[in-house]
Amino acid sequence: MTDNFERFPDVSFGNMVQVLGVENIEIDRGSCIGDNTWLNICVRDDKTRMKIGKCVLVGRQSMISTGGYLEIGDYCLLAPRVYISDADHLFDDIYRPIIEQGATLNRSVIIEENCWIGINVVITGNVNIGRGSIVAANTVVNKDIPPFSLVAGNPFQVVKLYNPKSQKWERVRNEAEMFKVFADRNEVGLPDREEYRGTLVERSKIKRLDPILAGNGMHL
């Protein structure tokens, strides 16, 4: 572990974590960055380009890259081998190496609080994943996900939605079922992002994820 990691107090890093653009990254207390993870900032300036909240687990062998702004909210869980990027390579000129043609910059990925991102998920483009959502393993996300949704597939489909009226996760198999849940949401209301974050902080007993989750070799 290099001296640069000292700028992240009370954050656990596994083995072989590579951070490019460390000055542009904020990671809040109690989070774990797993073995062999790569955090990359494409535009290195005086701005915060990547923000990872508190008590966030970034699973092993994950890659998170931004050319604009990328945020992962408090209490999010990322399984191993998750890929998240708001930047893509440009390829307009077929007579120039793609690596020399630059990238799509100034986009953003926002993953709001308390989301569970499954193994091998790909999140790419300019997207917002709503708070309290679950993204199933191997899912590809390239557009926005409403809050409190369970999605799966490539391209992803919404499988379940939380209904505040019934206070249950309800399966949505067609547009009519989805419309009903959204109508109930409009009637009853859902907590906005700040309200939801405050409730999580108030009710959570976790102040810091166990460093063993980051890896760092054998623990007995």
Protein backbone atom coordinates (compact mmCIF):
# COMPACT_ATOMS: atom_id res chain seq x y z
CA MET A 1 0.00 0.00 0.00
CA THR A 2 1.42 3.36 -1.03
CA ASP A 3 1.37 6.62 0.87
CA ASN A 4 -1.36 7.88 -1.50
CA PHE A 5 -3.90 5.62 0.21
CA GLU A 6 -3.42 7.60 3.41
CA ARG A 7 -5.79 10.21 1.97
CA PHE A 8 -8.62 7.69 2.54
CA PRO A 9 -8.85 7.28 6.34
CA ASP A 10 -10.63 4.19 7.60
CA VAL A 11 -10.93 2.68 4.10
CA SER A 12 -9.68 -0.88 3.55
CA PHE A 13 -7.80 -1.80 0.37
CA GLY A 14 -7.08 -5.33 -0.81
CA ASN A 15 -4.00 -6.55 -2.64
CA MET A 16 -3.03 -5.18 -6.04
CA VAL A 17 -5.51 -2.29 -6.04
CA GLN A 18 -4.56 0.27 -8.70
CA VAL A 19 -5.80 3.85 -8.49
CA LEU A 20 -5.11 6.25 -11.36
CA GLY A 21 -5.98 9.86 -10.57
CA VAL A 22 -6.02 9.46 -6.81
CA GLU A 23 -6.36 13.22 -6.24
CA ASN A 24 -9.70 13.21 -8.07
CA ILE A 25 -11.29 10.48 -5.92
CA GLU A 26 -13.18 10.67 -2.63
CA ILE A 27 -13.94 7.52 -0.63
CA ASP A 28 -15.86 7.85 2.62
CA ARG A 29 -15.11 6.01 5.85
CA GLY A 30 -15.84 2.36 6.42
CA SER A 31 -15.65 1.24 2.78
CA CYS A 32 -13.70 -1.69 1.30
CA ILE A 33 -12.01 -1.83 -2.10
CA GLY A 34 -11.39 -5.48 -2.99
CA ASP A 35 -8.32 -7.26 -4.33
CA ASN A 36 -7.24 -6.48 -7.90
CA THR A 37 -9.69 -3.60 -8.34
CA TRP A 38 -8.89 -0.79 -10.79
CA LEU A 39 -10.16 2.75 -10.16
CA ASN A 40 -9.43 5.07 -13.09
CA ILE A 41 -9.89 8.80 -13.70
CA CYS A 42 -9.61 9.78 -17.38
CA VAL A 43 -9.64 13.55 -16.78
CA ARG A 44 -7.24 14.54 -14.01
CA ASP A 45 -7.83 18.10 -12.91
CA ASP A 46 -8.83 19.91 -9.70
CA LYS A 47 -12.34 18.40 -9.52
CA THR A 48 -13.76 15.42 -7.69
CA ARG A 49 -14.42 12.98 -10.52
CA MET A 50 -15.26 9.84 -8.54
CA LYS A 51 -17.07 9.69 -5.20
CA ILE A 52 -17.61 6.47 -3.26
CA GLY A 53 -19.79 6.73 -0.19
CA LYS A 54 -19.44 5.19 3.24
CA CYS A 55 -19.71 1.48 4.01
CA VAL A 56 -19.47 0.61 0.31
CA LEU A 57 -18.06 -2.73 -0.79
CA VAL A 58 -16.35 -2.79 -4.19
CA GLY A 59 -15.92 -6.46 -5.03
CA ARG A 60 -12.67 -8.03 -6.13
CA GLN A 61 -11.47 -7.67 -9.72
CA SER A 62 -13.88 -4.81 -10.39
CA MET A 63 -13.12 -1.93 -12.76
CA ILE A 64 -14.56 1.55 -12.24
CA SER A 65 -13.61 4.27 -14.71
CA THR A 66 -14.89 7.78 -15.39
CA GLY A 67 -14.28 10.52 -17.91
CA GLY A 68 -16.88 12.77 -16.30
CA TYR A 69 -18.36 12.13 -12.87
CA LEU A 70 -19.11 8.79 -11.22
CA GLU A 71 -20.77 8.36 -7.85
CA ILE A 72 -21.58 5.29 -5.73
CA GLY A 73 -23.84 6.08 -2.79
CA ASP A 74 -23.60 4.93 0.82
CA TYR A 75 -24.13 1.26 1.70
CA CYS A 76 -23.87 -0.01 -1.88
CA LEU A 77 -22.61 -3.56 -2.42
CA LEU A 78 -20.72 -4.47 -5.59
CA ALA A 79 -20.01 -8.14 -6.22
CA PRO A 80 -16.74 -9.27 -7.83
CA ARG A 81 -15.98 -8.41 -11.44
CA VAL A 82 -18.31 -5.45 -11.80
CA TYR A 83 -17.50 -3.06 -14.66
CA ILE A 84 -18.68 0.55 -14.44
CA SER A 85 -17.69 3.28 -16.88
CA ASP A 86 -19.19 6.45 -18.31
CA ALA A 87 -16.45 6.75 -20.97
CA ASP A 88 -16.10 4.95 -24.31
CA HIS A 89 -13.34 5.06 -26.90
CA LEU A 90 -14.01 7.07 -30.06
CA PHE A 91 -13.53 5.27 -33.38
CA ASP A 92 -14.65 7.73 -36.11
CA ASP A 93 -11.38 7.63 -38.10
CA ILE A 94 -10.70 4.11 -39.37
CA TYR A 95 -7.14 5.13 -40.37
CA ARG A 96 -6.03 6.10 -36.87
CA PRO A 97 -5.44 3.77 -33.93
CA ILE A 98 -8.51 3.81 -31.70
CA ILE A 99 -6.32 4.40 -28.66
CA GLU A 100 -5.29 7.79 -30.16
CA GLN A 101 -8.83 9.02 -30.94
CA GLY A 102 -9.86 10.03 -27.44
CA ALA A 103 -12.94 9.11 -25.46
CA THR A 104 -16.48 10.25 -24.74
CA LEU A 105 -16.15 12.56 -21.74
CA ASN A 106 -18.48 14.67 -19.57
CA ARG A 107 -21.02 11.90 -19.02
CA SER A 108 -21.92 10.49 -15.61
CA VAL A 109 -22.92 7.34 -13.79
CA ILE A 110 -24.80 7.78 -10.51
CA ILE A 111 -25.57 4.74 -8.37
CA GLU A 112 -27.72 5.94 -5.52
CA GLU A 113 -27.68 4.60 -1.95
CA ASN A 114 -28.11 0.98 -0.87
CA CYS A 115 -27.92 -0.73 -4.26
CA TRP A 116 -26.78 -4.33 -4.74
CA ILE A 117 -24.87 -4.89 -7.99
CA GLY A 118 -24.40 -8.58 -8.83
CA ILE A 119 -21.38 -10.42 -10.22
CA ASN A 120 -20.24 -9.64 -13.79
CA VAL A 121 -22.63 -6.69 -14.15
CA VAL A 122 -21.72 -4.09 -16.81
CA ILE A 123 -22.88 -0.49 -16.26
CA THR A 124 -21.95 1.82 -19.10
CA GLY A 125 -22.92 5.14 -20.62
CA ASN A 126 -24.75 8.05 -19.04
CA VAL A 127 -27.05 6.42 -16.48
CA ASN A 128 -28.66 6.77 -13.06
CA ILE A 129 -29.43 3.72 -10.93
CA GLY A 130 -32.09 4.62 -8.41
CA ARG A 131 -31.68 4.08 -4.69
CA GLY A 132 -32.47 0.73 -3.16
CA SER A 133 -32.19 -1.15 -6.47
CA ILE A 134 -30.85 -4.62 -7.22
CA VAL A 135 -29.08 -5.48 -10.47
CA ALA A 136 -28.92 -9.24 -11.06
CA ALA A 137 -25.74 -11.07 -12.07
CA ASN A 138 -24.54 -10.69 -15.68
CA THR A 139 -26.92 -7.79 -16.37
CA VAL A 140 -25.97 -5.01 -18.80
CA VAL A 141 -27.18 -1.53 -17.79
CA ASN A 142 -27.09 1.29 -20.36
CA LYS A 143 -30.11 3.36 -19.34
CA ASP A 144 -31.70 4.68 -16.16
CA ILE A 145 -33.22 2.37 -13.54
CA PRO A 146 -36.08 3.66 -11.34
CA PRO A 147 -35.57 3.62 -7.56
CA PHE A 148 -36.35 0.40 -5.70
CA SER A 149 -36.24 -1.83 -8.78
CA LEU A 150 -34.94 -5.33 -9.40
CA VAL A 151 -33.60 -5.68 -12.93
CA ALA A 152 -32.02 -8.51 -14.92
CA GLY A 153 -30.94 -9.40 -18.44
CA ASN A 154 -29.26 -7.98 -21.54
CA PRO A 155 -30.79 -5.61 -22.31
CA PHE A 156 -32.12 -5.38 -18.79
CA GLN A 157 -35.79 -5.57 -17.90
CA VAL A 158 -37.49 -4.58 -14.67
CA VAL A 159 -38.50 -7.79 -12.90
CA LYS A 160 -39.83 -6.42 -9.61
CA LEU A 161 -40.71 -3.04 -8.13
CA TYR A 162 -41.16 -2.10 -4.51
CA ASN A 163 -44.73 -0.96 -3.88
CA PRO A 164 -45.01 1.43 -0.89
CA LYS A 165 -48.75 0.86 -0.75
CA SER A 166 -48.50 -2.91 -0.18
CA GLN A 167 -45.01 -2.53 1.35
CA LYS A 168 -43.86 -5.48 -0.74
CA TRP A 169 -41.68 -6.18 -3.76
CA GLU A 170 -44.12 -6.98 -6.56
CA ARG A 171 -43.37 -8.84 -9.78
CA VAL A 172 -44.10 -6.85 -12.94
CA ARG A 173 -44.64 -9.03 -16.02
CA ASN A 174 -46.22 -6.49 -18.32
CA GLU A 175 -46.90 -2.78 -18.73
CA ALA A 176 -50.22 -2.96 -16.88
CA GLU A 177 -48.59 -4.40 -13.75
CA MET A 178 -45.81 -1.83 -13.94
CA PHE A 179 -48.30 1.01 -14.39
CA LYS A 180 -50.21 -0.14 -11.29
CA VAL A 181 -47.09 -0.05 -9.09
CA PHE A 182 -46.08 3.37 -10.40
CA ALA A 183 -49.60 4.63 -9.74
CA ASP A 184 -49.36 3.37 -6.15
CA ARG A 185 -45.96 5.03 -5.84
CA ASN A 186 -47.40 8.34 -7.00
CA GLU A 187 -50.26 8.00 -4.53
CA VAL A 188 -48.24 7.01 -1.47
CA GLY A 189 -44.86 8.50 -2.34
CA LEU A 190 -41.30 7.26 -2.01
CA PRO A 191 -38.49 8.78 0.07
CA ASP A 192 -36.27 11.09 -1.94
CA ARG A 193 -32.56 10.44 -1.98
CA GLU A 194 -31.63 12.57 1.03
CA GLU A 195 -34.51 11.29 3.12
CA TYR A 196 -33.64 7.69 2.26
CA ARG A 197 -29.97 8.22 3.06
CA GLY A 198 -30.90 9.76 6.42
CA THR A 199 -33.08 6.78 7.28
CA LEU A 200 -30.30 4.35 6.39
CA VAL A 201 -27.80 6.22 8.56
CA GLU A 202 -30.26 6.37 11.44
CA ARG A 203 -31.13 2.68 11.34
CA SER A 204 -27.79 1.17 10.38
CA LYS A 205 -25.65 -0.51 13.00
CA ILE A 206 -22.70 -0.73 10.63
CA LYS A 207 -20.07 1.98 10.96
CA ARG A 208 -17.31 0.20 9.09
CA LEU A 209 -17.18 -2.87 6.84
CA ASP A 210 -14.89 -5.64 8.05
CA PRO A 211 -11.50 -5.19 6.30
CA ILE A 212 -11.46 -8.92 5.52
CA LEU A 213 -13.98 -8.15 2.75
CA ALA A 214 -11.25 -6.31 0.83
CA GLY A 215 -9.12 -9.46 0.69
CA ASN A 216 -5.45 -8.94 1.51
CA GLY A 217 -4.59 -12.61 1.49
CA MET A 218 -5.34 -15.32 4.05
CA HIS A 219 -7.16 -14.55 7.25
CA LEU A 220 -7.47 -17.18 9.98
